[in-house]
């Protein structure tokens, strides 16, 4: 586990792109799944892989067929395009980062184990708003945030019977998130800054279950559910309202503290529940739908309480495999994935002078492929996973920002018969 924590700290410095809506709460949350699951719209709660090469961390109970040692490493390329009616502003942001690294293996025929690292959320925004006053001086508001919250996951699956399984996952979150709002005027060098920092070292736990029934015609139905309990541990919040001068780009001089508060929070990472149902044909196709719910929490933002709303996400997706026994046609052995989702977000914003509040929602369509290595068989499938995601978030109503995004995800999955005891006759 120490290796994965060290890897997490090593990649803390990577730049992860996101939208200005990352200013609120714990930042821009990266959905908790792998490339193949993301390419299916995020369906994972009732997704039991037909093959033995992939571990499901989202619902650890869904690992009935997992039987090989799997090493998985993935990267994401994000391309964000922002528009707003405020001064007809447009901007773009691109970033590439390591999004997942994991190793998983069976402990026995019924018990499976996985260990992984993922960035959980991030802040990376810098916005300057200017306003000309009656005396023709310029008022400047600067909003800036940075930081990454990462998670190390340890998951255990236990197959109680051929149809029923339970799973358990523990998540350790660590990182630092930082927000600042600065107010200044063109005719004065004094800056008034409102800073919030959150240092996170916290745990939470996920429990899951899966029921799968197979029929004589190789058709099957799958039901799954999971629940993530609230966090335990330390989330240190530090708020400062102060005035200062800048020397150079970021060195502060003659800082005077106006107000300072320190507190501990335990509710930054929300409780979650998920339910999914799927239907498919062994080794040929599978389709599933899923609903996820996140509980809204009140957090401190720039020294004031901010209420995140309850949110939900509806997903649908699946995969098709033409013929995994056709070694004459490579593309018959490629797994083709598809999906879509709609998310009612946890933000409801009412900008100044707006007559109503606006929900910050998100929707997208997804697609992808699993490309097996040329020497891979159905019982030992190392592969390259490619996923695409195209969608929108937010709105231009009330001078808010609409985000259009196109994300490319690539993963390498290596499988082998590691950690098996050798037997001799």
Protein backbone atom coordinates (compact mmCIF):
# COMPACT_ATOMS: atom_id res chain seq x y z
CA UNK A 1 0.00 0.00 0.00
CA UNK A 2 2.90 2.36 0.72
CA UNK A 3 3.94 2.03 -2.93
CA UNK A 4 0.56 3.33 -4.08
CA UNK A 5 0.59 6.20 -1.57
CA UNK A 6 4.05 7.18 -2.82
CA UNK A 7 2.82 7.00 -6.42
CA UNK A 8 -0.10 9.21 -5.45
CA UNK A 9 2.14 11.87 -3.92
CA UNK A 10 4.42 11.70 -6.97
CA UNK A 11 1.58 12.56 -9.36
CA UNK A 12 0.07 15.23 -7.10
CA UNK A 13 2.00 17.78 -9.15
CA UNK A 14 0.33 16.85 -12.44
CA UNK A 15 -2.02 19.44 -13.91
CA UNK A 16 -5.59 18.19 -14.14
CA UNK A 17 -7.91 20.38 -16.14
CA UNK A 18 -11.38 21.28 -14.98
CA UNK A 19 -14.04 23.97 -15.07
CA UNK A 20 -14.55 27.09 -12.93
CA UNK A 21 -17.30 25.16 -11.13
CA UNK A 22 -14.45 23.32 -9.39
CA UNK A 23 -14.30 26.35 -7.09
CA UNK A 24 -17.11 24.94 -4.97
CA UNK A 25 -16.54 22.14 -2.49
CA UNK A 26 -13.87 19.52 -3.15
CA UNK A 27 -13.37 20.51 -6.78
CA UNK A 28 -14.06 18.76 -10.06
CA UNK A 29 -14.78 15.13 -9.15
CA UNK A 30 -13.39 12.55 -11.58
CA UNK A 31 -15.88 9.73 -11.93
CA UNK A 32 -14.64 6.61 -10.14
CA UNK A 33 -14.13 4.00 -12.83
CA UNK A 34 -11.79 2.58 -15.46
CA UNK A 35 -11.60 3.26 -19.21
CA UNK A 36 -13.83 0.33 -20.19
CA UNK A 37 -16.54 1.27 -17.66
CA UNK A 38 -16.39 4.95 -18.60
CA UNK A 39 -16.85 3.99 -22.28
CA UNK A 40 -20.14 2.36 -21.26
CA UNK A 41 -21.55 5.52 -19.68
CA UNK A 42 -20.24 4.62 -16.23
CA UNK A 43 -22.33 1.49 -15.66
CA UNK A 44 -20.49 -0.59 -13.03
CA UNK A 45 -22.84 -1.54 -10.17
CA UNK A 46 -24.38 -4.48 -12.05
CA UNK A 47 -21.43 -5.09 -14.39
CA UNK A 48 -19.81 -8.51 -13.95
CA UNK A 49 -17.13 -8.87 -16.63
CA UNK A 50 -17.72 -12.03 -18.69
CA UNK A 51 -13.97 -12.57 -18.87
CA UNK A 52 -11.29 -13.09 -16.24
CA UNK A 53 -8.98 -10.12 -16.82
CA UNK A 54 -10.56 -7.01 -15.22
CA UNK A 55 -11.29 -6.08 -11.59
CA UNK A 56 -14.34 -3.93 -10.80
CA UNK A 57 -13.40 -1.43 -8.04
CA UNK A 58 -16.65 0.53 -8.21
CA UNK A 59 -18.68 -2.40 -6.93
CA UNK A 60 -16.14 -4.89 -5.56
CA UNK A 61 -18.82 -7.59 -5.31
CA UNK A 62 -18.97 -7.75 -9.12
CA UNK A 63 -15.82 -9.85 -9.63
CA UNK A 64 -17.21 -13.35 -9.98
CA UNK A 65 -15.24 -14.20 -13.15
CA UNK A 66 -11.99 -12.42 -12.27
CA UNK A 67 -9.27 -15.09 -12.17
CA UNK A 68 -5.91 -13.68 -13.32
CA UNK A 69 -3.42 -11.19 -11.97
CA UNK A 70 -4.14 -7.86 -13.66
CA UNK A 71 -1.92 -4.79 -13.80
CA UNK A 72 -3.73 -1.75 -15.17
CA UNK A 73 -2.43 1.75 -15.98
CA UNK A 74 -4.52 4.49 -17.60
CA UNK A 75 -4.22 8.10 -18.76
CA UNK A 76 -6.80 10.75 -19.66
CA UNK A 77 -6.63 13.63 -22.12
CA UNK A 78 -9.25 16.33 -21.35
CA UNK A 79 -10.29 19.02 -23.80
CA UNK A 80 -12.63 21.67 -22.36
CA UNK A 81 -14.28 24.56 -24.23
CA UNK A 82 -15.98 27.28 -22.19
CA UNK A 83 -18.52 29.89 -23.31
CA UNK A 84 -20.47 32.55 -21.43
CA UNK A 85 -22.74 35.42 -22.41
CA UNK A 86 -20.82 37.68 -20.02
CA UNK A 87 -18.83 39.92 -22.38
CA UNK A 88 -19.19 37.11 -24.97
CA UNK A 89 -16.20 35.31 -23.45
CA UNK A 90 -14.74 32.03 -24.76
CA UNK A 91 -11.76 29.98 -23.61
CA UNK A 92 -10.25 26.51 -23.88
CA UNK A 93 -8.29 24.26 -21.58
CA UNK A 94 -6.43 21.01 -22.30
CA UNK A 95 -4.66 18.63 -19.95
CA UNK A 96 -3.29 15.08 -19.84
CA UNK A 97 -2.75 13.13 -16.63
CA UNK A 98 -2.39 9.69 -15.09
CA UNK A 99 -5.93 8.67 -14.14
CA UNK A 100 -5.61 5.15 -12.75
CA UNK A 101 -3.06 2.55 -11.70
CA UNK A 102 -4.02 -0.75 -10.09
CA UNK A 103 -3.01 -4.34 -9.45
CA UNK A 104 -5.51 -7.11 -8.70
CA UNK A 105 -5.35 -10.87 -8.18
CA UNK A 106 -7.43 -13.77 -6.83
CA UNK A 107 -6.62 -14.95 -3.30
CA UNK A 108 -8.70 -18.08 -3.87
CA UNK A 109 -11.50 -19.26 -6.13
CA UNK A 110 -14.01 -17.27 -4.06
CA UNK A 111 -11.91 -14.36 -2.76
CA UNK A 112 -10.48 -11.61 -5.02
CA UNK A 113 -8.37 -8.58 -4.05
CA UNK A 114 -7.51 -5.27 -5.74
CA UNK A 115 -5.34 -2.27 -4.87
CA UNK A 116 -5.41 0.97 -6.86
CA UNK A 117 -4.73 4.70 -7.08
CA UNK A 118 -6.87 7.40 -8.73
CA UNK A 119 -7.09 11.20 -8.61
CA UNK A 120 -10.48 11.84 -6.99
CA UNK A 121 -10.96 15.58 -7.55
CA UNK A 122 -9.02 18.67 -8.55
CA UNK A 123 -9.03 22.46 -8.70
CA UNK A 124 -7.21 24.35 -11.44
CA UNK A 125 -8.92 27.65 -12.27
CA UNK A 126 -7.85 31.30 -12.48
CA UNK A 127 -10.52 33.90 -13.33
CA UNK A 128 -10.20 37.69 -13.34
CA UNK A 129 -13.30 39.89 -13.45
CA UNK A 130 -12.91 43.63 -14.08
CA UNK A 131 -15.41 46.45 -13.56
CA UNK A 132 -15.04 50.17 -14.37
CA UNK A 133 -16.29 52.41 -11.54
CA UNK A 134 -17.84 55.88 -11.74
CA UNK A 135 -14.48 57.56 -11.05
CA UNK A 136 -13.07 55.55 -14.00
CA UNK A 137 -10.87 53.46 -11.73
CA UNK A 138 -10.82 49.72 -12.32
CA UNK A 139 -12.09 47.17 -9.79
CA UNK A 140 -10.51 43.72 -10.12
CA UNK A 141 -11.79 40.46 -8.67
CA UNK A 142 -9.50 37.45 -9.00
CA UNK A 143 -10.71 33.92 -8.26
CA UNK A 144 -8.07 31.19 -8.16
CA UNK A 145 -7.99 27.58 -7.02
CA UNK A 146 -5.51 24.73 -7.18
CA UNK A 147 -4.81 21.31 -5.73
CA UNK A 148 -5.60 17.63 -6.18
CA UNK A 149 -7.37 15.18 -3.93
CA UNK A 150 -6.27 11.57 -4.55
CA UNK A 151 -7.44 8.21 -3.30
CA UNK A 152 -5.83 4.84 -2.66
CA UNK A 153 -8.35 1.98 -2.77
CA UNK A 154 -8.21 -1.52 -1.36
CA UNK A 155 -11.06 -3.83 -2.39
CA UNK A 156 -12.08 -7.38 -1.45
CA UNK A 157 -14.70 -9.57 -3.15
CA UNK A 158 -16.26 -12.75 -1.74
CA UNK A 159 -18.39 -15.11 -3.83
CA UNK A 160 -20.93 -16.62 -1.43
CA UNK A 161 -22.62 -18.81 -4.05
CA UNK A 162 -22.79 -19.11 -7.82
CA UNK A 163 -25.45 -16.38 -7.88
CA UNK A 164 -24.62 -14.10 -4.97
CA UNK A 165 -21.53 -12.10 -3.92
CA UNK A 166 -20.50 -9.42 -1.44
CA UNK A 167 -17.73 -6.84 -1.67
CA UNK A 168 -16.01 -4.27 0.49
CA UNK A 169 -13.73 -1.35 -0.39
CA UNK A 170 -11.81 1.10 1.78
CA UNK A 171 -10.76 4.47 0.36
CA UNK A 172 -7.97 6.65 1.76
CA UNK A 173 -8.18 10.27 0.54
CA UNK A 174 -5.24 12.64 0.76
CA UNK A 175 -4.25 16.02 -0.67
CA UNK A 176 -4.62 19.78 -0.30
CA UNK A 177 -7.18 22.06 -1.96
CA UNK A 178 -6.80 25.84 -2.02
CA UNK A 179 -9.16 28.69 -3.02
CA UNK A 180 -8.64 32.45 -2.93
CA UNK A 181 -10.69 35.50 -3.87
CA UNK A 182 -8.74 38.75 -4.19
CA UNK A 183 -10.15 42.28 -4.45
CA UNK A 184 -8.02 45.20 -5.66
CA UNK A 185 -8.31 48.57 -7.43
CA UNK A 186 -6.19 50.04 -10.21
CA UNK A 187 -5.44 53.20 -8.19
CA UNK A 188 -4.19 51.29 -5.11
CA UNK A 189 -1.65 48.49 -4.57
CA UNK A 190 -3.33 47.07 -1.46
CA UNK A 191 -5.01 43.69 -1.99
CA UNK A 192 -7.79 42.18 0.14
CA UNK A 193 -7.62 38.38 0.02
CA UNK A 194 -10.07 35.70 1.24
CA UNK A 195 -8.27 32.33 1.39
CA UNK A 196 -9.52 28.83 2.17
CA UNK A 197 -7.34 25.73 2.36
CA UNK A 198 -8.40 22.16 3.10
CA UNK A 199 -5.83 19.53 4.07
CA UNK A 200 -7.40 16.09 3.67
CA UNK A 201 -6.37 12.79 5.26
CA UNK A 202 -9.53 10.75 5.51
CA UNK A 203 -11.15 7.33 5.01
CA UNK A 204 -14.51 6.11 3.87
CA UNK A 205 -15.91 2.67 3.08
CA UNK A 206 -17.99 1.11 0.30
CA UNK A 207 -20.08 -2.07 0.65
CA UNK A 208 -21.58 -3.77 -2.38
CA UNK A 209 -23.58 -6.80 -3.44
CA UNK A 210 -24.36 -8.52 -6.75
CA UNK A 211 -26.90 -11.15 -7.75
CA UNK A 212 -26.53 -12.83 -11.15
CA UNK A 213 -28.83 -15.51 -12.58
CA UNK A 214 -27.85 -17.47 -15.70
CA UNK A 215 -30.36 -19.36 -17.85
CA UNK A 216 -30.00 -22.44 -20.04
CA UNK A 217 -29.77 -20.41 -23.23
CA UNK A 218 -26.67 -18.56 -21.88
CA UNK A 219 -28.73 -15.43 -21.21
CA UNK A 220 -28.29 -13.81 -17.79
CA UNK A 221 -29.73 -11.11 -15.57
CA UNK A 222 -27.60 -9.12 -13.13
CA UNK A 223 -28.65 -6.92 -10.20
CA UNK A 224 -26.20 -4.85 -8.15
CA UNK A 225 -26.18 -2.29 -5.35
CA UNK A 226 -23.54 -0.41 -3.37
CA UNK A 227 -23.38 2.19 -0.62
CA UNK A 228 -20.50 4.46 0.39
CA UNK A 229 -20.52 5.55 4.01
CA UNK A 230 -19.44 8.98 5.27
CA UNK A 231 -15.80 9.85 5.86
CA UNK A 232 -13.82 9.44 9.04
CA UNK A 233 -10.51 11.16 9.72
CA UNK A 234 -9.08 14.64 9.46
CA UNK A 235 -10.15 17.37 7.04
CA UNK A 236 -8.55 20.58 8.30
CA UNK A 237 -10.13 23.82 7.09
CA UNK A 238 -8.22 27.11 7.40
CA UNK A 239 -9.85 30.43 6.41
CA UNK A 240 -8.04 33.80 6.36
CA UNK A 241 -9.28 37.30 5.50
CA UNK A 242 -6.29 39.61 5.19
CA UNK A 243 -4.77 42.59 3.37
CA UNK A 244 -1.31 42.63 1.81
CA UNK A 245 0.90 43.91 -0.99
CA UNK A 246 2.49 41.79 -3.71
CA UNK A 247 6.22 41.74 -4.33
CA UNK A 248 6.88 40.07 -7.66
CA UNK A 249 4.32 37.50 -8.78
CA UNK A 250 3.31 35.75 -5.56
CA UNK A 251 5.32 36.98 -2.58
CA UNK A 252 3.14 38.78 -0.03
CA UNK A 253 4.40 41.72 2.05
CA UNK A 254 2.96 43.52 5.11
CA UNK A 255 0.13 41.03 5.53
CA UNK A 256 -2.48 42.11 8.09
CA UNK A 257 -4.94 39.47 9.36
CA UNK A 258 -8.52 40.75 9.60
CA UNK A 259 -10.19 37.42 10.37
CA UNK A 260 -8.90 33.86 10.78
CA UNK A 261 -10.75 30.61 11.48
CA UNK A 262 -9.58 27.01 11.80
CA UNK A 263 -11.91 24.02 11.97
CA UNK A 264 -12.19 20.30 11.26
CA UNK A 265 -14.73 18.94 8.77
CA UNK A 266 -15.94 15.40 8.16
CA UNK A 267 -18.53 15.91 5.45
CA UNK A 268 -16.61 17.09 2.37
CA UNK A 269 -16.77 13.70 0.65
CA UNK A 270 -20.46 12.76 0.32
CA UNK A 271 -22.27 9.53 1.08
CA UNK A 272 -23.30 7.69 -2.08
CA UNK A 273 -25.73 4.96 -3.11
CA UNK A 274 -26.01 3.10 -6.41
CA UNK A 275 -28.35 0.54 -7.97
CA UNK A 276 -28.00 -1.17 -11.34
CA UNK A 277 -29.67 -3.86 -13.44
CA UNK A 278 -28.39 -5.57 -16.56
CA UNK A 279 -29.20 -8.28 -19.09
CA UNK A 280 -26.91 -10.06 -21.52
CA UNK A 281 -25.69 -13.14 -23.36
CA UNK A 282 -22.52 -14.86 -22.14
CA UNK A 283 -19.50 -13.80 -24.17
CA UNK A 284 -21.57 -11.95 -26.80
CA UNK A 285 -23.27 -8.81 -25.45
CA UNK A 286 -24.43 -7.02 -22.31
CA UNK A 287 -26.57 -3.95 -21.55
CA UNK A 288 -27.24 -2.24 -18.23
CA UNK A 289 -28.80 0.83 -16.65
CA UNK A 290 -27.85 2.43 -13.35
CA UNK A 291 -28.81 5.25 -10.99
CA UNK A 292 -26.37 6.88 -8.55
CA UNK A 293 -27.27 9.19 -5.69
CA UNK A 294 -25.00 11.54 -3.72
CA UNK A 295 -26.07 13.24 -0.52
CA UNK A 296 -25.65 17.02 -0.44
CA UNK A 297 -23.44 18.43 2.31
CA UNK A 298 -22.80 21.88 3.74
CA UNK A 299 -19.19 23.00 3.46
CA UNK A 300 -17.20 26.14 4.19
CA UNK A 301 -16.28 28.17 1.10
CA UNK A 302 -14.32 31.43 1.51
CA UNK A 303 -15.36 31.59 5.15
CA UNK A 304 -19.10 31.15 4.53
CA UNK A 305 -21.35 28.05 4.58
CA UNK A 306 -22.13 26.70 1.11
CA UNK A 307 -24.81 24.05 0.59
CA UNK A 308 -24.19 21.35 -2.00
CA UNK A 309 -27.47 19.89 -3.30
CA UNK A 310 -28.42 16.22 -3.39
CA UNK A 311 -27.47 14.94 -6.83
CA UNK A 312 -28.19 11.91 -8.98
CA UNK A 313 -26.82 10.37 -12.16
CA UNK A 314 -28.65 8.08 -14.62
CA UNK A 315 -26.44 5.92 -16.87
CA UNK A 316 -27.03 3.34 -19.57
CA UNK A 317 -24.56 1.35 -21.65
CA UNK A 318 -23.09 -1.97 -22.60
CA UNK A 319 -20.82 -3.89 -24.94
CA UNK A 320 -20.87 -6.18 -27.99
CA UNK A 321 -18.30 -8.85 -28.95
CA UNK A 322 -18.85 -10.22 -32.49
CA UNK A 323 -16.98 -13.55 -32.15
CA UNK A 324 -14.11 -14.11 -29.73
CA UNK A 325 -13.28 -17.49 -31.38
CA UNK A 326 -12.64 -15.97 -34.83
CA UNK A 327 -8.83 -15.73 -35.02
CA UNK A 328 -8.92 -15.07 -38.78
CA UNK A 329 -10.59 -11.68 -38.32
CA UNK A 330 -9.01 -9.55 -35.58
CA UNK A 331 -11.92 -7.08 -35.41
CA UNK A 332 -14.32 -9.92 -34.58
CA UNK A 333 -12.42 -10.28 -31.28
CA UNK A 334 -12.62 -6.55 -30.42
CA UNK A 335 -15.11 -5.58 -27.69
CA UNK A 336 -17.16 -2.53 -28.75
CA UNK A 337 -18.56 -0.37 -25.93
CA UNK A 338 -21.26 2.34 -25.89
CA UNK A 339 -23.15 4.43 -23.34
CA UNK A 340 -24.65 7.72 -22.18
CA UNK A 341 -25.46 9.48 -18.92
CA UNK A 342 -27.27 12.47 -17.44
CA UNK A 343 -26.27 13.98 -14.11
CA UNK A 344 -28.23 16.44 -12.02
CA UNK A 345 -25.29 18.15 -10.37
CA UNK A 346 -24.87 19.19 -6.75
CA UNK A 347 -24.50 22.88 -7.63
CA UNK A 348 -27.37 25.37 -7.80
CA UNK A 349 -26.02 28.87 -8.37
CA UNK A 350 -27.71 32.27 -8.27
CA UNK A 351 -25.31 34.95 -9.59
CA UNK A 352 -25.66 38.54 -8.50
CA UNK A 353 -28.69 40.31 -10.04
CA UNK A 354 -30.13 36.99 -11.27
CA UNK A 355 -33.86 36.47 -10.80
CA UNK A 356 -33.54 32.69 -10.32
CA UNK A 357 -30.98 30.01 -9.53
CA UNK A 358 -29.60 27.63 -12.16
CA UNK A 359 -28.76 23.95 -11.76
CA UNK A 360 -25.34 22.94 -13.05
CA UNK A 361 -26.14 19.67 -14.80
CA UNK A 362 -24.11 17.43 -17.11
CA UNK A 363 -24.76 14.93 -19.89
CA UNK A 364 -22.61 12.98 -22.34
CA UNK A 365 -22.40 10.12 -24.80
CA UNK A 366 -19.54 7.63 -24.64
CA UNK A 367 -17.96 4.93 -26.78
CA UNK A 368 -14.87 2.78 -26.80
CA UNK A 369 -13.11 -0.45 -27.72
CA UNK A 370 -11.08 -3.13 -26.00
CA UNK A 371 -8.30 -4.22 -28.35
CA UNK A 372 -6.79 -7.59 -27.34
CA UNK A 373 -3.10 -8.18 -27.90
CA UNK A 374 -2.52 -10.35 -30.97
CA UNK A 375 -1.40 -13.36 -28.90
CA UNK A 376 -4.19 -13.02 -26.32
CA UNK A 377 -6.89 -15.63 -25.97
CA UNK A 378 -10.25 -15.43 -24.28
CA UNK A 379 -8.79 -17.02 -21.12
CA UNK A 380 -5.78 -14.68 -20.91
CA UNK A 381 -6.68 -11.33 -22.44
CA UNK A 382 -4.13 -8.53 -22.16
CA UNK A 383 -5.49 -5.50 -23.98
CA UNK A 384 -5.51 -1.82 -24.85
CA UNK A 385 -8.66 0.04 -23.84
CA UNK A 386 -9.71 3.25 -25.61
CA UNK A 387 -12.64 5.40 -24.51
CA UNK A 388 -14.22 8.59 -25.85
CA UNK A 389 -16.56 10.97 -24.01
CA UNK A 390 -18.40 13.94 -25.53
CA UNK A 391 -20.72 16.09 -23.47
CA UNK A 392 -21.78 19.38 -21.89
CA UNK A 393 -21.96 20.79 -18.37
CA UNK A 394 -23.56 23.95 -17.06
CA UNK A 395 -25.52 26.69 -18.80
CA UNK A 396 -25.07 30.20 -20.18
CA UNK A 397 -28.21 31.40 -18.32
CA UNK A 398 -27.62 34.20 -15.79
CA UNK A 399 -24.15 34.82 -17.28
CA UNK A 400 -22.95 31.41 -16.09
CA UNK A 401 -20.49 29.24 -17.98
CA UNK A 402 -21.26 26.33 -20.28
CA UNK A 403 -18.56 23.69 -20.61
CA UNK A 404 -18.30 21.46 -23.68
CA UNK A 405 -15.83 18.63 -23.23
CA UNK A 406 -14.20 15.92 -25.31
CA UNK A 407 -12.17 13.40 -23.35
CA UNK A 408 -9.91 10.63 -24.62
CA UNK A 409 -8.97 7.81 -22.24
CA UNK A 410 -6.38 5.10 -22.91
CA UNK A 411 -5.52 2.14 -20.70
CA UNK A 412 -3.12 -0.81 -20.79
CA UNK A 413 -4.17 -3.98 -19.03
CA UNK A 414 -1.61 -6.77 -18.58
CA UNK A 415 -2.79 -10.16 -17.29
CA UNK A 416 -0.94 -13.31 -16.28
CA UNK A 417 -0.98 -16.25 -13.86
CA UNK A 418 1.04 -14.53 -11.13
CA UNK A 419 0.95 -15.46 -7.44
CA UNK A 420 -0.07 -19.06 -8.20
CA UNK A 421 1.52 -21.92 -6.27
CA UNK A 422 3.39 -24.26 -8.59
CA UNK A 423 2.54 -27.93 -8.23
CA UNK A 424 4.77 -30.82 -9.30
CA UNK A 425 3.81 -34.44 -9.93
